[in-house]
C-alpha atoms as a PDB file:
ATOM      1  CA  MET A   1      89.333  49.734  75.105  1.00  0.00           C
ATOM      2  CA  GLY A   2      87.556  47.018  73.463  1.00  0.00           C
ATOM      3  CA  CYS A   3      84.558  47.537  76.003  1.00  0.00           C
ATOM      4  CA  VAL A   4      84.852  51.288  74.394  1.00  0.00           C
ATOM      5  CA  SER A   5      85.437  50.441  70.538  1.00  0.00           C
ATOM      6  CA  THR A   6      82.350  47.741  70.985  1.00  0.00           C
ATOM      7  CA  ALA A   7      80.103  50.461  72.336  1.00  0.00           C
ATOM      8  CA  VAL A   8      80.840  52.586  69.473  1.00  0.00           C
ATOM      9  CA  ALA A   9      80.645  50.870  66.942  1.00  0.00           C
ATOM     10  CA  GLN A  10      76.867  49.607  67.273  1.00  0.00           C
ATOM     11  CA  HIS A  11      76.323  53.467  67.793  1.00  0.00           C
ATOM     12  CA  GLU A  12      77.293  53.674  64.051  1.00  0.00           C
ATOM     13  CA  ARG A  13      80.695  56.051  64.572  1.00  0.00           C
ATOM     14  CA  LYS A  14      83.806  55.267  63.052  1.00  0.00           C
ATOM     15  CA  VAL A  15      86.162  53.051  65.624  1.00  0.00           C
ATOM     16  CA  LEU A  16      89.796  53.608  64.982  1.00  0.00           C
ATOM     17  CA  GLY A  17      93.017  51.928  66.490  1.00  0.00           C
ATOM     18  CA  ILE A  18      96.432  51.984  66.299  1.00  0.00           C
ATOM     19  CA  ILE A  19      97.990  49.582  67.313  1.00  0.00           C
ATOM     20  CA  PRO A  20     101.802  48.376  68.579  1.00  0.00           C
ATOM     21  CA  SER A  21     102.863  45.562  67.383  1.00  0.00           C
ATOM     22  CA  ALA A  22     103.974  44.171  70.204  1.00  0.00           C
ATOM     23  CA  PHE A  23     100.427  44.189  71.075  1.00  0.00           C
ATOM     24  CA  THR A  24      99.054  41.514  68.428  1.00  0.00           C
ATOM     25  CA  VAL A  25     101.567  39.083  70.071  1.00  0.00           C
ATOM     26  CA  ASN A  26      99.499  36.140  71.693  1.00  0.00           C
ATOM     27  CA  ASN A  27      96.168  38.672  70.665  1.00  0.00           C
ATOM     28  CA  LEU A  28      96.400  41.058  73.534  1.00  0.00           C
ATOM     29  CA  VAL A  29      94.386  43.160  71.328  1.00  0.00           C
ATOM     30  CA  GLY A  30      91.492  40.834  71.363  1.00  0.00           C
ATOM     31  CA  GLU A  31      89.155  40.898  68.008  1.00  0.00           C
ATOM     32  CA  THR A  32      89.141  44.124  66.258  1.00  0.00           C
ATOM     33  CA  CYS A  33      85.711  46.141  65.642  1.00  0.00           C
ATOM     34  CA  GLY A  34      86.180  49.388  62.877  1.00  0.00           C
ATOM     35  CA  LYS A  35      89.930  50.672  61.548  1.00  0.00           C
ATOM     36  CA  GLU A  36      92.812  48.322  62.419  1.00  0.00           C
ATOM     37  CA  ILE A  37      96.362  50.565  61.761  1.00  0.00           C
ATOM     38  CA  LYS A  38      99.451  48.359  62.895  1.00  0.00           C
ATOM     39  CA  VAL A  39     102.292  50.251  63.852  1.00  0.00           C
ATOM     40  CA  ALA A  40     105.756  49.632  65.030  1.00  0.00           C
ATOM     41  CA  THR A  41     106.563  51.411  68.592  1.00  0.00           C
ATOM     42  CA  MET A  42     104.215  52.628  70.987  1.00  0.00           C
ATOM     43  CA  GLN A  43     106.010  56.700  70.335  1.00  0.00           C
ATOM     44  CA  GLU A  44     104.401  55.451  66.648  1.00  0.00           C
ATOM     45  CA  ARG A  45     101.043  55.377  67.999  1.00  0.00           C
ATOM     46  CA  LEU A  46     101.342  58.288  70.328  1.00  0.00           C
ATOM     47  CA  VAL A  47     102.169  60.491  67.852  1.00  0.00           C
ATOM     48  CA  MET A  48      99.899  58.843  65.298  1.00  0.00           C
ATOM     49  CA  MET A  49      96.713  59.557  67.543  1.00  0.00           C
ATOM     50  CA  MET A  50      98.383  63.172  67.893  1.00  0.00           C
ATOM     51  CA  GLU A  51      97.952  63.390  64.612  1.00  0.00           C
ATOM     52  CA  LEU A  52      94.423  61.935  64.341  1.00  0.00           C
ATOM     53  CA  SER A  53      92.329  62.801  66.862  1.00  0.00           C
ATOM     54  CA  ASP A  54      90.534  66.045  67.985  1.00  0.00           C
ATOM     55  CA  ALA A  55      90.948  65.263  71.510  1.00  0.00           C
ATOM     56  CA  PHE A  56      92.083  62.871  74.198  1.00  0.00           C
ATOM     57  CA  ILE A  57      90.230  61.472  77.543  1.00  0.00           C
ATOM     58  CA  ALA A  58      92.508  59.590  79.956  1.00  0.00           C
ATOM     59  CA  LEU A  59      89.646  56.301  81.260  1.00  0.00           C
ATOM     60  CA  PRO A  60      90.440  54.616  84.088  1.00  0.00           C
ATOM     61  CA  GLY A  61      94.116  52.278  83.095  1.00  0.00           C
ATOM     62  CA  GLY A  62      97.073  51.877  84.219  1.00  0.00           C
ATOM     63  CA  PHE A  63     100.765  53.327  83.739  1.00  0.00           C
ATOM     64  CA  GLY A  64      99.949  52.529  79.770  1.00  0.00           C
ATOM     65  CA  THR A  65      97.224  55.070  80.020  1.00  0.00           C
ATOM     66  CA  LEU A  66      99.045  57.317  81.929  1.00  0.00           C
ATOM     67  CA  GLU A  67     102.606  57.336  79.596  1.00  0.00           C
ATOM     68  CA  GLU A  68      99.765  58.335  76.940  1.00  0.00           C
ATOM     69  CA  LEU A  69      97.957  61.354  78.568  1.00  0.00           C
ATOM     70  CA  PHE A  70     101.039  63.287  79.687  1.00  0.00           C
ATOM     71  CA  GLN A  71     102.644  63.078  77.040  1.00  0.00           C
ATOM     72  CA  MET A  72      99.967  64.389  75.624  1.00  0.00           C
ATOM     73  CA  ILE A  73     100.150  67.285  78.567  1.00  0.00           C
ATOM     74  CA  SER A  74     103.936  67.739  77.701  1.00  0.00           C
ATOM     75  CA  TRP A  75     103.581  68.416  73.726  1.00  0.00           C
ATOM     76  CA  ALA A  76     100.510  71.011  74.641  1.00  0.00           C
ATOM     77  CA  GLN A  77     102.717  72.712  76.843  1.00  0.00           C
ATOM     78  CA  LEU A  78     105.474  72.489  74.071  1.00  0.00           C
ATOM     79  CA  ASN A  79     103.503  73.244  71.143  1.00  0.00           C
ATOM     80  CA  ILE A  80     103.017  70.995  69.685  1.00  0.00           C
ATOM     81  CA  HIS A  81      99.165  70.448  69.631  1.00  0.00           C
ATOM     82  CA  ASN A  82      96.598  72.743  70.542  1.00  0.00           C
ATOM     83  CA  LYS A  83      94.131  69.657  71.584  1.00  0.00           C
ATOM     84  CA  PRO A  84      91.401  69.370  74.733  1.00  0.00           C
ATOM     85  CA  ILE A  85      92.878  66.702  77.113  1.00  0.00           C
ATOM     86  CA  GLY A  86      90.635  65.380  79.567  1.00  0.00           C
ATOM     87  CA  VAL A  87      90.082  62.461  81.869  1.00  0.00           C
ATOM     88  CA  LEU A  88      86.419  60.005  82.769  1.00  0.00           C
ATOM     89  CA  ASN A  89      87.187  60.567  86.335  1.00  0.00           C
ATOM     90  CA  ILE A  90      84.741  57.760  87.600  1.00  0.00           C
ATOM     91  CA  ASN A  91      84.570  56.668  91.022  1.00  0.00           C
ATOM     92  CA  GLY A  92      86.804  59.067  92.365  1.00  0.00           C
ATOM     93  CA  PHE A  93      89.476  57.132  89.624  1.00  0.00           C
ATOM     94  CA  PHE A  94      91.874  59.816  89.009  1.00  0.00           C
ATOM     95  CA  ASN A  95      91.517  61.422  92.468  1.00  0.00           C
ATOM     96  CA  GLY A  96      94.937  61.020  93.424  1.00  0.00           C
ATOM     97  CA  LEU A  97      95.820  61.873  90.449  1.00  0.00           C
ATOM     98  CA  LEU A  98      94.369  64.839  90.148  1.00  0.00           C
ATOM     99  CA  SER A  99      95.355  65.837  93.725  1.00  0.00           C
ATOM    100  CA  PHE A 100      98.490  65.674  92.812  1.00  0.00           C
ATOM    101  CA  VAL A 101      98.989  67.877  89.762  1.00  0.00           C
ATOM    102  CA  ASP A 102      97.393  70.530  91.520  1.00  0.00           C
ATOM    103  CA  HIS A 103     100.341  70.516  93.955  1.00  0.00           C
ATOM    104  CA  ALA A 104     102.643  69.813  91.487  1.00  0.00           C
ATOM    105  CA  VAL A 105     101.791  73.165  89.091  1.00  0.00           C
ATOM    106  CA  LYS A 106     101.784  75.139  92.513  1.00  0.00           C
END
């Protein structure tokens, strides 16, 4: 996230970080560029991200990325939002996941 937010800021675009307070312990977030909003929980972060975002795109990441991606997909299925959702499938990172999703929806 740091590389992406830095690149966005360097191109004079808005950067907003919504950061759970647990991430600020031991400086897990690193240096922040742009506006930062601290929230108490991951759930609060997801709700705020949903409210403030125009769309959602998952970049290669770990379990947290997958949790957020599937939360947004679930909320879209429940008509909580109707915003675009995508994955940036760099070097086939999400190929296995996309194959599973294709299988699951059949």
